[in-house]
Protein backbone atom coordinates (compact mmCIF):
# COMPACT_ATOMS: atom_id res chain seq x y z
CA UNK A 1 75.99 107.24 118.51
CA UNK A 2 73.55 104.44 118.97
CA UNK A 3 75.37 101.13 119.21
CA UNK A 4 73.71 97.72 119.00
CA UNK A 5 76.01 95.18 120.60
CA UNK A 6 75.61 92.06 122.78
CA UNK A 7 76.05 92.81 126.47
CA UNK A 8 76.24 90.98 129.75
CA UNK A 9 72.48 91.18 130.24
CA UNK A 10 69.76 91.01 127.64
CA UNK A 11 70.52 92.20 124.11
CA UNK A 12 68.16 95.13 124.36
CA UNK A 13 69.65 96.35 127.62
CA UNK A 14 72.70 97.60 125.73
CA UNK A 15 70.79 99.90 123.38
CA UNK A 16 71.55 103.58 123.76
CA UNK A 17 69.47 106.04 121.75
CA UNK A 18 69.57 109.78 121.41
CA UNK A 19 66.41 111.68 122.18
CA UNK A 20 64.01 113.01 119.64
CA UNK A 21 65.80 115.52 117.44
CA UNK A 22 64.37 119.00 117.29
CA UNK A 23 62.73 120.25 114.11
CA UNK A 24 64.53 122.75 111.92
CA UNK A 25 65.40 125.72 114.10
CA UNK A 26 66.11 128.13 111.28
CA UNK A 27 66.32 127.60 107.55
CA UNK A 28 69.79 129.18 107.56
CA UNK A 29 71.14 126.76 110.18
CA UNK A 30 72.08 123.08 109.94
CA UNK A 31 69.06 120.82 110.17
CA UNK A 32 70.66 118.79 112.92
CA UNK A 33 72.54 120.56 115.67
CA UNK A 34 74.35 117.49 117.05
CA UNK A 35 72.61 117.81 120.40
CA UNK A 36 73.45 115.49 123.28
CA UNK A 37 71.94 112.01 123.47
CA UNK A 38 69.11 111.14 125.76
CA UNK A 39 69.14 108.45 128.40
CA UNK A 40 69.25 104.82 127.32
CA UNK A 41 66.03 103.03 126.44
CA UNK A 42 65.03 99.42 126.57
CA UNK A 43 62.59 98.84 123.73
CA UNK A 44 62.84 98.61 119.93
CA UNK A 45 59.86 100.96 119.74
CA UNK A 46 62.04 103.78 121.06
CA UNK A 47 64.67 102.93 118.43
CA UNK A 48 61.98 103.23 115.77
CA UNK A 49 60.95 106.62 117.14
CA UNK A 50 64.58 107.74 116.92
CA UNK A 51 64.83 106.61 113.28
CA UNK A 52 61.64 108.48 112.46
CA UNK A 53 62.82 111.66 114.16
CA UNK A 54 66.13 111.66 112.32
CA UNK A 55 64.49 110.95 108.96
CA UNK A 56 61.96 113.75 109.46
CA UNK A 57 64.69 116.25 110.30
CA UNK A 58 67.11 115.21 107.54
CA UNK A 59 64.84 114.64 104.53
CA UNK A 60 64.28 118.35 103.67
CA UNK A 61 67.98 118.65 102.76
CA UNK A 62 68.11 115.52 100.58
CA UNK A 63 67.49 116.10 96.86
CA UNK A 64 66.76 114.08 93.74
CA UNK A 65 68.97 114.67 90.69
CA UNK A 66 68.20 114.16 86.99
CA UNK A 67 71.01 114.63 84.48
CA UNK A 68 70.53 114.77 80.72
CA UNK A 69 73.53 113.66 78.69
CA UNK A 70 75.25 115.93 76.17
CA UNK A 71 75.08 113.22 73.52
CA UNK A 72 72.08 111.07 72.62
CA UNK A 73 74.26 108.15 71.57
CA UNK A 74 72.88 105.61 69.14
CA UNK A 75 74.78 102.73 70.73
CA UNK A 76 73.56 100.47 73.46
CA UNK A 77 75.81 99.08 76.13
CA UNK A 78 75.41 95.40 76.79
CA UNK A 79 73.05 94.46 79.57
CA UNK A 80 74.61 92.91 82.62
CA UNK A 81 74.43 89.14 82.53
CA UNK A 82 73.07 87.29 85.55
CA UNK A 83 75.88 86.73 88.01
CA UNK A 84 77.99 89.63 86.77
CA UNK A 85 78.96 92.26 89.32
CA UNK A 86 77.79 95.82 88.81
CA UNK A 87 77.90 99.02 90.81
CA UNK A 88 75.70 102.06 90.58
CA UNK A 89 78.05 103.72 88.11
CA UNK A 90 77.35 101.02 85.51
CA UNK A 91 73.62 101.64 85.76
CA UNK A 92 73.89 105.39 85.44
CA UNK A 93 76.10 105.20 82.36
CA UNK A 94 74.00 102.67 80.45
CA UNK A 95 72.57 104.34 77.36
CA UNK A 96 69.39 103.93 75.36
CA UNK A 97 69.52 103.96 71.53
CA UNK A 98 68.67 107.22 69.75
CA UNK A 99 67.03 108.81 72.78
CA UNK A 100 68.14 111.48 75.23
CA UNK A 101 70.13 109.80 77.98
CA UNK A 102 69.16 110.52 81.58
CA UNK A 103 70.95 109.62 84.78
CA UNK A 104 69.16 109.62 88.10
CA UNK A 105 70.67 109.95 91.52
CA UNK A 106 70.59 111.68 94.85
CA UNK A 107 72.42 114.45 96.64
CA UNK A 108 72.20 116.61 99.72
CA UNK A 109 72.43 120.31 100.50
CA UNK A 110 75.53 121.24 102.50
CA UNK A 111 75.11 125.00 102.66
CA UNK A 112 72.10 127.32 103.01
CA UNK A 113 73.23 129.13 99.83
CA UNK A 114 72.28 126.04 97.81
CA UNK A 115 75.50 124.07 97.46
CA UNK A 116 74.84 120.35 96.89
CA UNK A 117 77.16 117.34 97.10
CA UNK A 118 76.61 114.26 94.93
CA UNK A 119 78.56 111.63 92.96
CA UNK A 120 80.43 112.65 89.83
CA UNK A 121 79.10 109.68 87.88
CA UNK A 122 75.55 110.94 88.41
CA UNK A 123 76.19 114.14 86.43
CA UNK A 124 79.12 113.02 84.26
CA UNK A 125 78.88 114.35 80.69
CA UNK A 126 75.55 116.04 81.45
CA UNK A 127 74.25 118.97 79.42
CA UNK A 128 71.55 119.80 81.94
CA UNK A 129 71.25 118.90 85.62
CA UNK A 130 67.93 119.30 87.43
CA UNK A 131 67.53 119.18 91.20
CA UNK A 132 64.21 118.45 92.91
CA UNK A 133 63.65 119.45 96.54
CA UNK A 134 61.42 117.72 99.05
CA UNK A 135 58.84 120.47 98.44
CA UNK A 136 58.53 119.40 94.81
CA UNK A 137 60.32 122.49 93.51
CA UNK A 138 62.73 121.87 90.66
CA UNK A 139 65.82 123.94 89.82
CA UNK A 140 68.46 123.83 87.13
CA UNK A 141 71.81 123.29 88.84
CA UNK A 142 75.23 124.65 87.98
CA UNK A 143 78.20 122.29 88.25
CA UNK A 144 80.77 124.05 90.45
CA UNK A 145 83.41 121.35 90.17
CA UNK A 146 84.10 117.62 90.14
CA UNK A 147 86.73 115.22 91.45
CA UNK A 148 87.18 112.02 89.47
CA UNK A 149 89.47 110.45 92.06
CA UNK A 150 86.75 110.37 94.74
CA UNK A 151 83.78 110.39 92.32
CA UNK A 152 82.33 113.54 93.87
CA UNK A 153 80.69 116.63 92.36
CA UNK A 154 79.50 119.94 93.81
CA UNK A 155 76.38 121.57 92.38
CA UNK A 156 74.69 124.91 93.12
CA UNK A 157 71.08 125.99 92.84
CA UNK A 158 69.56 129.43 93.41
CA UNK A 159 66.30 129.05 95.31
CA UNK A 160 66.08 132.70 96.30
CA UNK A 161 66.02 131.82 99.99
CA UNK A 162 68.16 130.03 102.58
CA UNK A 163 67.80 126.26 102.29
CA UNK A 164 67.95 123.55 104.96
CA UNK A 165 71.29 121.78 104.95
CA UNK A 166 73.10 118.90 106.60
CA UNK A 167 76.14 118.89 108.83
CA UNK A 168 79.17 116.66 108.32
CA UNK A 169 79.95 114.35 111.22
CA UNK A 170 83.24 112.79 112.27
CA UNK A 171 83.49 109.66 110.13
CA UNK A 172 86.68 108.62 111.93
CA UNK A 173 84.52 107.85 114.98
CA UNK A 174 82.29 105.47 113.02
CA UNK A 175 82.56 101.89 114.28
CA UNK A 176 81.44 98.52 113.03
CA UNK A 177 77.97 97.87 114.46
CA UNK A 178 76.85 101.51 114.61
CA UNK A 179 73.34 102.16 113.28
CA UNK A 180 73.05 104.31 110.13
CA UNK A 181 70.36 105.54 107.74
CA UNK A 182 70.71 105.82 103.96
CA UNK A 183 68.44 108.41 102.34
CA UNK A 184 67.91 109.04 98.63
CA UNK A 185 65.90 108.29 95.52
CA UNK A 186 66.39 104.62 94.57
CA UNK A 187 64.68 103.88 91.23
CA UNK A 188 63.51 107.50 91.27
CA UNK A 189 61.50 106.97 94.48
CA UNK A 190 62.37 110.14 96.39
CA UNK A 191 62.57 110.41 100.18
CA UNK A 192 63.32 106.70 100.61
CA UNK A 193 64.91 105.85 103.98
CA UNK A 194 66.65 102.57 104.78
CA UNK A 195 68.36 101.54 108.00
CA UNK A 196 71.25 99.23 108.78
CA UNK A 197 74.56 99.04 110.54
CA UNK A 198 78.14 99.79 109.58
CA UNK A 199 79.59 96.50 108.35
CA UNK A 200 83.19 97.66 108.03
CA UNK A 201 85.28 100.83 107.81
CA UNK A 202 88.22 101.72 105.53
CA UNK A 203 87.03 99.18 102.99
CA UNK A 204 88.78 99.10 99.61
CA UNK A 205 86.91 97.86 96.53
CA UNK A 206 88.27 96.59 93.19
CA UNK A 207 86.92 99.65 91.34
CA UNK A 208 88.09 102.19 93.92
CA UNK A 209 90.86 104.73 93.36
CA UNK A 210 93.76 105.16 95.77
CA UNK A 211 91.73 107.91 97.45
CA UNK A 212 88.64 105.85 98.20
CA UNK A 213 88.40 103.82 101.40
CA UNK A 214 84.73 103.31 102.07
CA UNK A 215 82.38 102.84 104.97
CA UNK A 216 80.62 99.56 104.22
CA UNK A 217 76.98 99.21 105.30
CA UNK A 218 74.10 96.78 105.00
CA UNK A 219 71.55 99.63 104.84
CA UNK A 220 69.75 99.03 101.54
CA UNK A 221 71.38 101.07 98.74
CA UNK A 222 70.01 100.71 95.20
CA UNK A 223 70.20 102.40 91.81
CA UNK A 224 69.44 106.06 92.36
CA UNK A 225 70.86 106.16 95.90
CA UNK A 226 74.19 107.36 94.49
CA UNK A 227 75.20 110.69 95.99
CA UNK A 228 72.78 110.49 98.89
CA UNK A 229 73.88 110.81 102.51
CA UNK A 230 74.71 108.07 105.00
CA UNK A 231 73.46 109.41 108.33
CA UNK A 232 74.58 108.53 111.85
CA UNK A 233 72.36 108.53 114.93
CA UNK A 234 73.25 112.16 115.61
CA UNK A 235 71.64 113.08 112.29
CA UNK A 236 75.02 113.94 110.75
CA UNK A 237 76.43 112.96 107.37
CA UNK A 238 79.24 110.45 107.83
CA UNK A 239 79.39 109.29 104.21
CA UNK A 240 78.27 109.76 100.60
CA UNK A 241 76.65 106.62 99.18
CA UNK A 242 78.68 105.71 96.10
CA UNK A 243 78.82 102.01 95.20
CA UNK A 244 77.14 98.66 95.71
CA UNK A 245 78.49 95.12 95.45
CA UNK A 246 75.91 93.01 93.65
CA UNK A 247 75.41 90.10 91.29
CA UNK A 248 72.09 91.46 89.98
CA UNK A 249 72.63 95.22 89.77
CA UNK A 250 70.41 95.82 92.79
CA UNK A 251 70.71 95.59 96.57
CA UNK A 252 72.57 92.51 97.82
CA UNK A 253 73.31 93.71 101.34
CA UNK A 254 76.64 95.44 100.69
CA UNK A 255 76.90 99.16 100.01
CA UNK A 256 79.78 101.63 100.17
CA UNK A 257 79.90 105.29 101.23
CA UNK A 258 82.83 107.68 100.91
CA UNK A 259 83.62 108.91 104.46
CA UNK A 260 82.72 112.46 105.46
CA UNK A 261 86.39 113.10 106.24
CA UNK A 262 87.21 112.81 102.53
CA UNK A 263 83.99 114.17 101.04
CA UNK A 264 84.05 117.27 103.25
CA UNK A 265 87.63 118.03 102.23
CA UNK A 266 86.79 117.64 98.53
CA UNK A 267 83.70 119.84 98.90
CA UNK A 268 85.61 122.64 100.63
CA UNK A 269 88.40 122.64 98.03
CA UNK A 270 86.00 122.67 95.08
CA UNK A 271 83.97 125.55 96.52
CA UNK A 272 87.14 127.49 97.32
CA UNK A 273 89.06 126.90 94.10
CA UNK A 274 86.97 124.89 91.65
CA UNK A 275 89.13 121.78 91.90
CA UNK A 276 91.00 119.53 94.34
CA UNK A 277 94.74 119.87 94.94
CA UNK A 278 96.61 116.89 96.34
CA UNK A 279 100.17 116.45 97.47
CA UNK A 280 102.42 114.27 95.32
CA UNK A 281 105.47 112.27 96.37
CA UNK A 282 106.60 110.97 92.99
CA UNK A 283 107.21 107.35 93.98
CA UNK A 284 105.36 104.09 93.37
CA UNK A 285 104.72 102.08 96.50
CA UNK A 286 104.03 98.59 97.84
CA UNK A 287 102.82 97.66 101.32
CA UNK A 288 105.08 95.90 103.81
CA UNK A 289 103.77 92.43 104.57
CA UNK A 290 104.77 89.91 107.21
CA UNK A 291 107.31 88.22 104.95
CA UNK A 292 109.12 91.46 104.20
CA UNK A 293 109.25 92.36 107.88
CA UNK A 294 110.75 88.95 108.72
CA UNK A 295 113.37 89.04 105.98
CA UNK A 296 114.46 92.61 106.69
CA UNK A 297 114.25 92.42 110.46
CA UNK A 298 111.48 94.99 110.91
CA UNK A 299 109.68 94.92 114.26
CA UNK A 300 106.24 94.96 112.64
CA UNK A 301 104.70 94.58 109.20
CA UNK A 302 104.02 98.25 108.67
CA UNK A 303 105.29 100.79 106.19
CA UNK A 304 105.36 101.54 102.46
CA UNK A 305 108.11 100.19 100.22
CA UNK A 306 109.36 102.50 97.47
CA UNK A 307 109.39 100.40 94.29
CA UNK A 308 110.47 103.16 91.90
CA UNK A 309 111.25 106.87 91.69
CA UNK A 310 110.58 107.68 88.05
CA UNK A 311 111.35 111.40 88.13
CA UNK A 312 114.55 112.54 89.82
CA UNK A 313 113.04 116.04 90.05
CA UNK A 314 110.02 114.80 92.00
CA UNK A 315 109.75 115.29 95.76
CA UNK A 316 110.95 111.73 96.34
CA UNK A 317 113.77 112.08 93.83
CA UNK A 318 115.06 115.35 95.26
CA UNK A 319 114.97 113.84 98.76
CA UNK A 320 117.19 110.99 97.60
CA UNK A 321 114.69 108.18 98.06
CA UNK A 322 115.57 104.94 96.29
CA UNK A 323 113.77 101.78 95.24
CA UNK A 324 113.70 99.45 98.23
CA UNK A 325 113.47 102.18 100.88
CA UNK A 326 110.71 101.58 103.45
CA UNK A 327 108.87 104.71 104.59
CA UNK A 328 107.60 104.23 108.16
CA UNK A 329 106.70 107.76 109.24
CA UNK A 330 105.14 110.79 107.54
CA UNK A 331 105.20 114.10 109.41
CA UNK A 332 105.38 112.30 112.74
CA UNK A 333 102.51 109.89 111.99
CA UNK A 334 103.20 106.17 111.58
CA UNK A 335 102.65 104.77 108.08
CA UNK A 336 100.52 101.63 108.12
CA UNK A 337 100.84 100.61 104.46
CA UNK A 338 101.09 101.97 100.92
CA UNK A 339 97.46 103.12 100.80
CA UNK A 340 97.85 104.90 104.12
CA UNK A 341 100.91 106.80 102.87
CA UNK A 342 99.16 107.75 99.63
CA UNK A 343 96.24 109.07 101.67
CA UNK A 344 98.52 111.06 103.97
CA UNK A 345 100.44 112.58 101.07
CA UNK A 346 97.29 113.39 99.06
CA UNK A 347 95.71 114.99 102.11
CA UNK A 348 98.64 117.38 102.48
CA UNK A 349 98.73 120.63 100.52
CA UNK A 350 101.21 120.81 97.63
CA UNK A 351 104.35 122.86 98.30
CA UNK A 352 104.22 121.97 101.98
CA UNK A 353 107.49 120.76 103.52
CA UNK A 354 107.08 117.45 105.37
CA UNK A 355 109.38 115.10 107.26
CA UNK A 356 109.65 111.39 106.60
CA UNK A 357 111.51 108.54 108.25
CA UNK A 358 112.53 105.45 106.33
CA UNK A 359 114.69 102.32 106.45
CA UNK A 360 117.33 101.51 103.85
CA UNK A 361 119.04 98.18 103.31
CA UNK A 362 122.82 98.69 103.53
CA UNK A 363 125.79 96.29 103.51
CA UNK A 364 126.16 96.81 107.25
CA UNK A 365 122.44 96.23 107.93
CA UNK A 366 119.21 98.15 107.96
CA UNK A 367 119.77 101.86 108.46
CA UNK A 368 117.14 104.33 109.66
CA UNK A 369 117.18 107.65 107.84
CA UNK A 370 115.12 110.82 107.75
CA UNK A 371 114.51 113.51 105.16
CA UNK A 372 112.58 116.73 104.62
CA UNK A 373 110.89 117.22 101.28
CA UNK A 374 108.52 119.64 99.60
CA UNK A 375 105.47 117.92 98.16
CA UNK A 376 104.48 118.64 94.59
CA UNK A 377 100.95 118.63 93.14
CA UNK A 378 99.43 115.41 91.91
CA UNK A 379 98.03 115.48 88.39
CA UNK A 380 94.60 113.95 87.88
CA UNK A 381 95.02 111.02 85.55
CA UNK A 382 92.47 108.79 83.93
CA UNK A 383 92.57 105.27 85.28
CA UNK A 384 94.29 102.65 83.11
CA UNK A 385 92.25 100.39 80.90
CA UNK A 386 92.07 96.66 81.49
CA UNK A 387 94.69 96.15 78.80
CA UNK A 388 97.13 98.44 80.61
CA UNK A 389 96.95 97.05 84.12
CA UNK A 390 99.45 94.73 85.75
CA UNK A 391 97.37 91.55 85.73
CA UNK A 392 98.56 88.67 83.61
CA UNK A 393 96.86 85.52 82.44
CA UNK A 394 98.85 82.47 83.44
CA UNK A 395 99.71 80.16 80.54
CA UNK A 396 97.57 77.03 80.76
CA UNK A 397 97.85 74.73 77.73
CA UNK A 398 96.71 71.45 79.21
CA UNK A 399 100.22 70.07 79.61
CA UNK A 400 101.84 69.44 82.97
CA UNK A 401 104.45 72.04 83.77
CA UNK A 402 107.74 70.76 85.07
CA UNK A 403 108.21 71.66 88.73
CA UNK A 404 110.78 74.45 88.96
CA UNK A 405 111.82 76.77 91.82
CA UNK A 406 108.55 77.96 93.42
CA UNK A 407 106.74 76.48 90.42
CA UNK A 408 108.41 78.93 88.04
CA UNK A 409 110.00 78.13 84.69
CA UNK A 410 113.02 80.42 84.57
CA UNK A 411 115.66 81.26 81.95
CA UNK A 412 118.67 83.52 81.78
CA UNK A 413 117.97 87.03 80.49
CA UNK A 414 119.62 86.84 77.07
CA UNK A 415 119.85 89.83 74.68
CA UNK A 416 117.01 88.37 72.62
CA UNK A 417 114.79 87.88 75.66
CA UNK A 418 115.68 91.35 76.92
CA UNK A 419 114.50 92.88 73.66
CA UNK A 420 111.32 90.80 73.67
CA UNK A 421 110.29 91.86 77.17
CA UNK A 422 111.82 95.36 76.98
CA UNK A 423 114.28 94.70 79.81
CA UNK A 424 117.50 95.65 78.05
CA UNK A 425 120.60 95.96 80.21
CA UNK A 426 119.06 94.32 83.29
CA UNK A 427 120.39 91.23 85.07
CA UNK A 428 118.43 88.42 86.67
CA UNK A 429 116.28 85.38 85.84
CA UNK A 430 113.37 85.72 83.45
CA UNK A 431 109.99 84.12 84.23
CA UNK A 432 108.79 82.17 81.18
CA UNK A 433 105.90 80.38 82.83
CA UNK A 434 104.07 80.08 86.13
CA UNK A 435 102.75 76.65 87.05
CA UNK A 436 99.03 77.34 87.69
CA UNK A 437 98.91 74.50 90.23
CA UNK A 438 101.69 76.00 92.38
CA UNK A 439 100.98 78.16 95.41
CA UNK A 440 102.97 81.03 93.95
CA UNK A 441 100.31 81.38 91.24
CA UNK A 442 97.97 82.60 93.99
CA UNK A 443 100.34 85.22 95.38
CA UNK A 444 98.97 88.72 94.80
CA UNK A 445 100.29 92.25 95.05
CA UNK A 446 98.44 94.68 97.29
CA UNK A 447 96.66 95.94 94.15
CA UNK A 448 95.08 92.51 93.73
CA UNK A 449 97.08 91.76 90.57
CA UNK A 450 98.96 88.48 90.09
CA UNK A 451 102.43 88.90 91.60
CA UNK A 452 104.34 87.01 88.90
CA UNK A 453 103.86 86.33 85.22
CA UNK A 454 105.65 85.81 81.94
CA UNK A 455 108.20 88.52 81.26
CA UNK A 456 109.03 89.28 84.90
CA UNK A 457 112.71 89.51 85.82
CA UNK A 458 113.73 88.26 89.29
CA UNK A 459 116.74 90.29 90.48
CA UNK A 460 116.97 89.66 94.24
CA UNK A 461 115.76 87.10 96.76
CA UNK A 462 115.94 87.77 100.48
CA UNK A 463 118.49 90.56 100.13
CA UNK A 464 120.80 88.54 97.84
CA UNK A 465 121.28 89.28 94.13
CA UNK A 466 120.01 86.61 91.74
CA UNK A 467 122.83 85.80 89.31
CA UNK A 468 122.15 82.44 87.67
CA UNK A 469 119.59 79.63 87.61
CA UNK A 470 121.75 77.05 89.40
CA UNK A 471 122.52 79.29 92.38
CA UNK A 472 118.90 80.45 92.63
CA UNK A 473 117.55 76.88 92.50
CA UNK A 474 119.96 75.79 95.24
CA UNK A 475 118.97 78.73 97.45
CA UNK A 476 115.28 77.92 97.01
CA UNK A 477 115.86 74.25 97.85
CA UNK A 478 117.27 75.26 101.25
CA UNK A 479 114.11 77.12 102.21
CA UNK A 480 111.70 75.39 104.59
CA UNK A 481 107.93 75.49 104.84
CA UNK A 482 106.99 78.64 106.73
CA UNK A 483 110.06 80.62 105.65
CA UNK A 484 109.46 84.16 104.45
CA UNK A 485 110.49 85.13 100.93
CA UNK A 486 110.87 88.60 99.41
CA UNK A 487 111.62 88.87 95.70
CA UNK A 488 112.68 92.03 93.89
CA UNK A 489 111.08 91.69 90.46
CA UNK A 490 111.25 94.04 87.48
CA UNK A 491 108.78 94.04 84.61
CA UNK A 492 107.93 96.38 81.76
CA UNK A 493 104.91 98.54 82.59
CA UNK A 494 103.06 99.83 79.47
CA UNK A 495 101.50 102.65 81.50
CA UNK A 496 104.88 104.28 82.09
CA UNK A 497 106.75 102.63 79.19
CA UNK A 498 109.69 101.73 81.41
CA UNK A 499 110.54 98.74 83.64
CA UNK A 500 109.05 98.96 87.13
CA UNK A 501 110.06 97.27 90.39
CA UNK A 502 107.62 94.98 92.21
CA UNK A 503 108.12 93.63 95.71
CA UNK A 504 106.72 90.08 95.83
CA UNK A 505 106.18 88.77 99.37
CA UNK A 506 105.01 85.27 100.33
CA UNK A 507 105.59 82.35 102.69
CA UNK A 508 106.96 79.00 101.53
CA UNK A 509 104.27 76.30 101.55
């Protein structure tokens, strides 16, 4: 790949560019063959020639998509106010009153037979999907399958001849600073090419699912670019352009593409079986942070903490996993965090037997255990609404809150309180209020939600059960600035209608 990085000599002396790509060899072969790179060059003009060559070779396989909604709704969604964030999905789903609703986007051909990959939100709820080729030809497309979790869809057109198509590259080799091209139809302007660099890899966004870790780029991506390819300097697809971060609804310098590793897997599964099958562990997870590693004596802050096993007949339940276990290895591969484990499990076929290694806190110390389990199949669920998520608004009434342990106002969990917060039969200290001026108010879970709020029940602190307010307050008073704290907290989760464990990790300030 071409890399643009400062070197020991002049800036330009470090540029390395592949030679001019050959034109389409055969219409039934990939447009770009991934040929070897040419010798290094020393002028931006050569870089421009390389961009032009790649664009010329790739564009015939990039398509424009128009989708007509099944329902011409008479309602109008509110326009985005200045300063509000919006991604491409919001634009595509905005409706006009009493008129047919159209969504516009991009896609690219991935097989000579006419299979096309795009974003699910481009064709969501569409009654008719039209695909326009570079030649100007227009075809009605058939939806082969969709995957809500990754926001991908596979279409098929019948052109009566082999079509030019693009090849997936190895997105795992993409590095920050690599040059990339984004190609699509922003604002309906087909064959638009923009260039930039990779700004970050494995980027999570607030609106992403657990199966979306994006390649971030500063190549201009606008409304209508959704579903188009992100191209590396070998002319290969390394991502599907999916989201933008913006305060205006348009390009603000930050775009996100789903890596080819994930999009290629989804495409292959949909073509083969019409849908995506993912492995399922049956446990909710939290990432190990520095504080947890310190308190539990782990060598490094890596791993995924099991916070609950809701179904005893799930893979996790049958393997004997318990809340508090820390999974550190999955089928011989180290587990970095909760998202990494979810990705590894989801990327493994259901019914496959896998091996895991985990730590368990025991009276005699931390014990390392292992287990074999057969993964089940994950069900595709709709994402929870804002009212159902874990975030809580902190109570701010203008009065000064009395300073309590960690800035928390705590009470014993009485039968009345238990009924109020649906925590019957559980022991611990109940959070009644969080002082918004305390540092603990800023502590977040790995999901980005506030770690503590009214109705939470603190059951353990640093491997010791929490029994009463006096003992807990004394234990907190002995902590020093810089000490690590791990709280085991239970709260009622309306999504599952049962109490759920949260691992709250922070450093005393």
